[in-house]
Protein backbone atom coordinates (compact mmCIF):
# COMPACT_ATOMS: atom_id res chain seq x y z
CA MET A 1 26.52 -7.87 25.12
CA SER A 2 29.70 -8.67 23.19
CA PRO A 3 30.85 -12.23 22.39
CA SER A 4 33.70 -11.84 24.87
CA ASP A 5 31.20 -10.93 27.59
CA ALA A 6 29.10 -13.98 26.72
CA ASP A 7 32.16 -16.26 26.85
CA SER A 8 33.17 -14.88 30.23
CA GLY A 9 29.71 -15.30 31.70
CA ILE A 10 29.09 -11.55 32.12
CA THR A 11 25.36 -10.80 32.07
CA PRO A 12 23.89 -7.75 30.28
CA ASP A 13 23.03 -6.15 33.64
CA VAL A 14 26.60 -6.49 34.89
CA ALA A 15 28.00 -5.14 31.62
CA SER A 16 25.53 -2.24 31.82
CA ASP A 17 26.64 -1.37 35.35
CA ALA A 18 30.30 -1.51 34.32
CA ASP A 19 29.71 0.76 31.31
CA GLY A 20 27.73 3.19 33.44
CA LEU A 21 30.52 3.32 36.01
CA LEU A 22 33.10 3.94 33.27
CA ALA A 23 31.00 6.78 31.85
CA GLU A 24 30.71 8.36 35.29
CA GLN A 25 34.45 8.03 35.83
CA LEU A 26 35.13 9.79 32.53
CA LEU A 27 32.73 12.59 33.42
CA ARG A 28 34.33 13.06 36.84
CA LEU A 29 37.78 13.07 35.28
CA THR A 30 36.71 15.64 32.67
CA ARG A 31 35.24 17.90 35.37
CA ARG A 32 38.40 17.59 37.44
CA LEU A 33 40.55 18.38 34.42
CA HIS A 34 38.53 21.51 33.67
CA ARG A 35 38.69 22.60 37.29
CA ILE A 36 42.48 22.29 37.29
CA GLN A 37 42.71 24.09 33.95
CA ARG A 38 40.60 26.99 35.27
CA GLN A 39 42.90 27.27 38.28
CA GLN A 40 45.96 27.23 36.03
CA MET A 41 44.45 29.85 33.71
CA GLU A 42 43.32 32.31 36.38
CA PRO A 43 46.71 34.07 36.52
CA ILE A 44 46.57 34.46 32.71
CA GLY A 45 43.37 36.49 33.07
CA ILE A 46 41.30 34.77 30.38
CA THR A 47 38.02 32.85 30.46
CA PRO A 48 37.60 29.35 28.96
CA ALA A 49 35.33 30.79 26.23
CA GLN A 50 37.88 33.49 25.36
CA SER A 51 40.60 30.85 25.36
CA ARG A 52 38.67 28.77 22.85
CA LEU A 53 38.11 31.74 20.55
CA LEU A 54 41.77 32.74 20.80
CA ARG A 55 42.84 29.22 19.79
CA THR A 56 40.43 29.36 16.86
CA VAL A 57 41.89 32.66 15.64
CA SER A 58 45.39 31.22 16.04
CA HIS A 59 44.48 28.38 13.67
CA TYR A 60 44.27 30.89 10.81
CA ASP A 61 47.49 32.57 11.93
CA LEU A 62 49.34 29.26 12.19
CA HIS A 63 48.32 28.18 8.69
CA HIS A 64 49.04 31.61 7.18
CA GLU A 65 45.42 32.06 6.19
CA PRO A 66 43.62 35.43 6.08
CA PRO A 67 42.33 36.44 9.53
CA PRO A 68 38.79 35.19 10.13
CA ARG A 69 35.64 37.26 9.97
CA MET A 70 33.14 37.25 12.83
CA ALA A 71 30.94 34.92 10.77
CA ASP A 72 33.86 32.52 10.29
CA LEU A 73 34.44 32.35 14.03
CA ALA A 74 30.75 31.88 14.80
CA LYS A 75 30.59 28.99 12.33
CA ARG A 76 33.72 27.26 13.63
CA LEU A 77 32.65 27.66 17.25
CA ASP A 78 29.01 26.83 16.46
CA VAL A 79 27.68 29.83 18.39
CA VAL A 80 25.56 32.84 17.52
CA PRO A 81 27.43 35.88 16.12
CA ARG A 82 26.44 37.97 19.15
CA ALA A 83 28.42 35.63 21.41
CA VAL A 84 31.49 36.03 19.21
CA THR A 85 31.16 39.82 19.33
CA THR A 86 31.17 39.75 23.14
CA LEU A 87 34.24 37.50 23.25
CA VAL A 88 36.13 39.57 20.67
CA ASP A 89 35.29 42.76 22.59
CA GLY A 90 36.89 41.30 25.72
CA LEU A 91 39.97 40.00 23.92
CA GLU A 92 40.42 43.26 22.02
CA ALA A 93 40.17 45.26 25.24
CA SER A 94 43.01 43.18 26.70
CA GLY A 95 45.10 43.62 23.54
CA ARG A 96 45.03 39.96 22.50
CA VAL A 97 43.23 40.47 19.18
CA ARG A 98 42.39 43.43 16.99
CA ARG A 99 39.77 44.21 14.37
CA VAL A 100 41.26 45.01 10.98
CA PRO A 101 39.55 45.89 7.67
CA ASP A 102 39.81 43.39 4.83
CA PRO A 103 42.31 44.80 2.31
CA THR A 104 40.04 43.95 -0.63
CA ASN A 105 36.75 45.05 0.96
CA ARG A 106 37.04 47.56 3.76
CA ARG A 107 33.45 46.95 4.80
CA VAL A 108 34.51 43.48 5.94
CA ILE A 109 36.14 43.29 9.37
CA ARG A 110 38.56 40.52 10.25
CA ILE A 111 39.93 39.44 13.63
CA GLU A 112 43.70 39.39 13.86
CA LEU A 113 45.91 37.85 16.53
CA THR A 114 48.36 40.23 18.26
CA ASP A 115 51.75 39.52 19.81
CA THR A 116 50.06 39.69 23.22
CA GLY A 117 47.57 37.10 22.01
CA ARG A 118 50.36 34.79 20.87
CA ALA A 119 52.06 35.14 24.27
CA THR A 120 48.75 34.29 25.94
CA LEU A 121 48.45 31.17 23.79
CA ARG A 122 51.90 30.03 24.91
CA SER A 123 50.87 30.50 28.53
CA GLN A 124 47.64 28.61 27.86
CA ARG A 125 49.48 25.66 26.37
CA SER A 126 51.72 25.52 29.40
CA ALA A 127 48.69 25.65 31.72
CA ARG A 128 46.99 22.84 29.79
CA ARG A 129 50.10 20.67 29.96
CA ASP A 130 50.38 21.28 33.71
CA ALA A 131 46.70 20.38 34.18
CA ALA A 132 47.06 17.19 32.17
CA GLU A 133 50.26 16.24 34.00
CA ASP A 134 48.43 16.65 37.31
CA ILE A 135 45.80 14.16 36.13
CA LEU A 136 48.23 11.72 34.53
CA ALA A 137 50.92 11.76 37.22
CA PRO A 138 50.06 8.25 38.54
CA LEU A 139 50.41 6.69 35.05
CA THR A 140 53.57 5.44 33.38
CA THR A 141 54.49 6.50 29.85
CA GLU A 142 53.23 3.18 28.50
CA GLN A 143 49.92 3.50 30.37
CA ARG A 144 49.45 7.02 29.00
CA GLU A 145 49.99 5.79 25.46
CA VAL A 146 47.45 2.99 25.96
CA LEU A 147 44.92 5.40 27.49
CA GLY A 148 45.40 7.92 24.69
CA GLY A 149 44.90 5.23 22.06
CA LEU A 150 41.72 3.92 23.69
CA LEU A 151 40.23 7.39 24.08
CA SER A 152 41.13 8.31 20.50
CA ARG A 153 39.46 5.15 19.25
CA ALA A 154 36.32 5.87 21.29
CA GLY A 155 36.30 9.46 20.01
CA ARG A 156 36.52 8.45 16.35
CA ARG A 157 33.75 5.88 16.72
CA ASN A 158 31.33 8.36 18.33
CA ALA A 159 32.50 11.63 16.79
CA GLY A 160 29.00 12.53 15.57
CA ALA A 161 27.45 12.83 19.03
CA PRO A 162 28.22 15.37 21.76
CA LEU A 163 30.51 14.07 24.51
CA LEU A 164 27.93 14.21 27.29
CA THR A 165 25.37 12.40 25.14
CA ARG A 166 27.86 9.64 24.34
CA LEU A 167 28.82 9.16 27.97
CA ARG A 168 25.27 9.27 29.31
CA ARG A 169 23.74 7.04 26.65
CA ALA A 170 22.67 3.72 28.10
CA PRO A 171 24.64 0.69 26.88
CA GLY A 172 22.99 -0.79 23.81
CA GLU A 173 20.96 2.38 23.15
CA ARG A 174 21.32 3.68 19.63
CA GLY A 175 21.08 7.25 18.45
CA PRO A 176 18.77 8.37 15.63
CA ALA A 177 19.39 6.73 12.30
CA ALA A 178 21.44 8.77 9.88
CA GLY A 179 19.28 10.28 7.18
CA PRO A 180 20.20 11.11 3.62
CA GLY A 181 20.86 14.76 4.40
CA PRO A 182 23.64 16.35 6.46
CA ALA A 183 23.75 15.58 10.16
CA PRO A 184 22.13 18.24 12.36
CA GLN A 185 24.59 20.58 14.00
CA GLN A 186 25.03 20.38 17.74
CA ARG A 187 25.65 23.44 19.86
CA SER A 188 29.15 23.48 21.24
CA ARG A 189 29.69 23.57 24.98
CA SER A 190 32.78 25.57 25.85
CA SER A 191 32.92 23.91 29.27
CA VAL A 192 33.23 20.42 27.78
CA THR A 193 36.41 19.22 26.14
CA ALA A 194 37.00 15.76 24.76
CA PRO A 195 39.38 14.27 27.34
CA TRP A 196 41.51 12.41 24.78
CA ALA A 197 42.46 15.75 23.20
CA VAL A 198 44.15 16.79 26.45
CA PHE A 199 45.61 13.42 27.40
CA ARG A 200 47.84 13.55 24.33
CA LEU A 201 49.74 16.39 26.05
CA ARG A 202 50.25 18.24 22.80
CA SER A 203 51.52 21.79 23.05
């Protein structure tokens, strides 16, 4: 219980219930946001997992870096290489990416964004903005800024734990102590997106 809770007479049980309700509200809002995004993306003809991979490939294109290898994508997405192969196969079949040999080592294959892929990304950004606007419609500009700041602060404080773990963790419960070595990697969940990333309404 925080000092402010103690001063206001809020008991630990009441604070716990309030935190649990807030976590459930965030989870419901995230699920609703993803549902709206899926509806917005259906006409584009791309799955959420393919969308995530396409955005990852576009990161290299945007920063004028060499196109990524399959291993690069698997590492950034924190998935097994086989999953990346399946996603690339689907995106290549639809003309959104293409496999190209590395100019310095033709045995190495890189994944390159196509013009169709860039057009798809523009449509995706529009769909994401529409989904976020649907959620945020009741809020004023000032309220959106406050909400974005609060969510960003919560995200920075708990960036080391998966979103669902952070929201479901009981108030006052601490995660495992950080050891001297690197933190263990967590498997990404393509169906879960940090809500503050969308509330910023960035294109």
